[in-house]
Amino acid sequence: MILKRGTENLSNEKMAELIFIEKEMTRLKSKLDALAGEEVRLQKESSIQTIKKEIFIYGKMYKNVRVDIGGAHFICPYTKTNAKLANFKEEIIVESLRAQSSPEYDIYVPNE
């Protein structure tokens, strides 16, 4: 910006540098936009993979049952009924199948 203010007093070298900097800024902005688009695409892909890695339990899952989902494992610490197990960021999360407004709703994130 300082270079732009005094463009009439700039040498040819500085004008060339100003043009180079403007082109480089434009290139980097377009690269940043492309990376942002790629990030959104990867997040969508990741969430789709997470959704696919779920197990629904209708009935009972007994204590000490081991569940493996996509390389992550979970050992049930106590008997659970009607639960959903999902692999999220290489960790198994257990969520109740009851409505979230229900007083019996529960979500369990193990901390190994």
Protein backbone atom coordinates (compact mmCIF):
# COMPACT_ATOMS: atom_id res chain seq x y z
CA MET A 1 0.00 0.00 0.00
CA ILE A 2 2.89 2.33 0.76
CA LEU A 3 4.30 1.58 -2.69
CA LYS A 4 0.94 2.33 -4.34
CA ARG A 5 0.63 5.78 -2.75
CA GLY A 6 3.82 7.01 -4.35
CA THR A 7 3.59 5.18 -7.68
CA GLU A 8 4.40 8.30 -9.66
CA ASN A 9 7.76 8.54 -7.86
CA LEU A 10 8.72 4.86 -8.12
CA SER A 11 11.65 3.54 -10.06
CA ASN A 12 11.12 0.84 -12.69
CA GLU A 13 12.45 -1.78 -10.24
CA LYS A 14 9.92 -0.78 -7.59
CA MET A 15 7.07 -0.72 -10.14
CA ALA A 16 8.02 -4.23 -11.24
CA GLU A 17 8.11 -5.27 -7.57
CA LEU A 18 4.66 -3.73 -7.00
CA ILE A 19 3.20 -5.58 -9.99
CA PHE A 20 4.81 -8.84 -8.82
CA ILE A 21 3.40 -8.39 -5.29
CA GLU A 22 -0.10 -7.67 -6.63
CA LYS A 23 0.00 -10.78 -8.84
CA GLU A 24 1.34 -12.87 -5.97
CA MET A 25 -1.41 -11.63 -3.64
CA THR A 26 -4.05 -12.51 -6.24
CA ARG A 27 -2.52 -15.96 -6.73
CA LEU A 28 -2.37 -16.61 -2.98
CA LYS A 29 -5.97 -15.44 -2.48
CA SER A 30 -7.19 -17.82 -5.16
CA LYS A 31 -5.13 -20.63 -3.60
CA LEU A 32 -6.65 -19.81 -0.19
CA ASP A 33 -10.16 -19.96 -1.70
CA ALA A 34 -9.36 -23.32 -3.30
CA LEU A 35 -8.05 -24.66 0.01
CA ALA A 36 -11.17 -23.45 1.81
CA GLY A 37 -13.31 -25.30 -0.74
CA GLU A 38 -11.19 -28.41 -0.29
CA GLU A 39 -11.56 -28.15 3.49
CA VAL A 40 -15.36 -28.05 3.16
CA ARG A 41 -15.28 -31.06 0.84
CA LEU A 42 -13.08 -33.03 3.25
CA GLN A 43 -15.31 -32.16 6.21
CA LYS A 44 -18.37 -33.38 4.30
CA GLU A 45 -16.55 -36.57 3.34
CA SER A 46 -15.46 -37.10 6.94
CA SER A 47 -18.97 -36.64 8.28
CA ILE A 48 -20.31 -39.12 5.72
CA GLN A 49 -17.70 -41.66 6.82
CA THR A 50 -18.61 -41.02 10.47
CA ILE A 51 -22.28 -41.58 9.73
CA LYS A 52 -21.48 -44.89 8.06
CA LYS A 53 -19.58 -46.10 11.14
CA GLU A 54 -22.51 -46.56 13.50
CA ILE A 55 -24.02 -49.50 15.32
CA PHE A 56 -27.56 -49.40 16.67
CA ILE A 57 -28.45 -51.64 19.61
CA TYR A 58 -32.12 -52.34 20.14
CA GLY A 59 -32.40 -54.27 23.38
CA LYS A 60 -29.46 -54.97 25.71
CA MET A 61 -25.71 -54.76 25.32
CA TYR A 62 -24.15 -56.49 28.30
CA LYS A 63 -21.20 -55.44 30.46
CA ASN A 64 -17.71 -56.27 29.09
CA VAL A 65 -18.88 -56.64 25.49
CA ARG A 66 -16.13 -55.34 23.18
CA VAL A 67 -17.14 -53.43 20.04
CA ASP A 68 -14.70 -52.47 17.27
CA ILE A 69 -15.65 -49.85 14.67
CA GLY A 70 -13.10 -48.82 12.09
CA GLY A 71 -10.10 -49.59 14.31
CA ALA A 72 -11.47 -47.93 17.46
CA HIS A 73 -12.73 -50.17 20.24
CA PHE A 74 -15.11 -49.85 23.18
CA ILE A 75 -15.66 -52.18 26.13
CA CYS A 76 -19.09 -51.71 27.66
CA PRO A 77 -18.64 -50.77 31.36
CA TYR A 78 -22.22 -51.70 32.31
CA THR A 79 -25.35 -53.09 30.67
CA LYS A 80 -26.85 -50.59 28.19
CA THR A 81 -30.18 -50.68 26.42
CA ASN A 82 -31.23 -49.00 23.16
CA ALA A 83 -27.99 -47.26 22.26
CA LYS A 84 -26.11 -46.03 19.22
CA LEU A 85 -22.35 -46.51 19.01
CA ALA A 86 -20.45 -44.31 16.55
CA ASN A 87 -16.81 -43.94 15.64
CA PHE A 88 -16.01 -40.24 15.92
CA LYS A 89 -12.40 -39.08 15.57
CA GLU A 90 -11.05 -42.56 16.32
CA GLU A 91 -13.09 -42.87 19.50
CA ILE A 92 -16.36 -44.71 20.14
CA ILE A 93 -19.18 -42.52 21.41
CA VAL A 94 -22.27 -44.15 22.90
CA GLU A 95 -25.55 -42.27 22.66
CA SER A 96 -28.99 -43.21 23.89
CA LEU A 97 -31.62 -43.84 21.22
CA ARG A 98 -34.17 -41.98 23.35
CA ALA A 99 -35.23 -38.45 22.41
CA GLN A 100 -32.76 -35.80 23.55
CA SER A 101 -35.55 -34.11 25.53
CA SER A 102 -36.16 -37.33 27.48
CA PRO A 103 -34.79 -37.43 31.07
CA GLU A 104 -33.41 -40.91 30.23
CA TYR A 105 -31.33 -39.60 27.30
CA ASP A 106 -27.61 -40.13 27.82
CA ILE A 107 -24.39 -39.78 25.87
CA TYR A 108 -21.17 -41.49 26.93
CA VAL A 109 -17.71 -40.55 25.72
CA PRO A 110 -15.09 -42.89 27.14
CA ASN A 111 -11.88 -41.36 28.44
CA GLU A 112 -9.29 -44.10 28.24
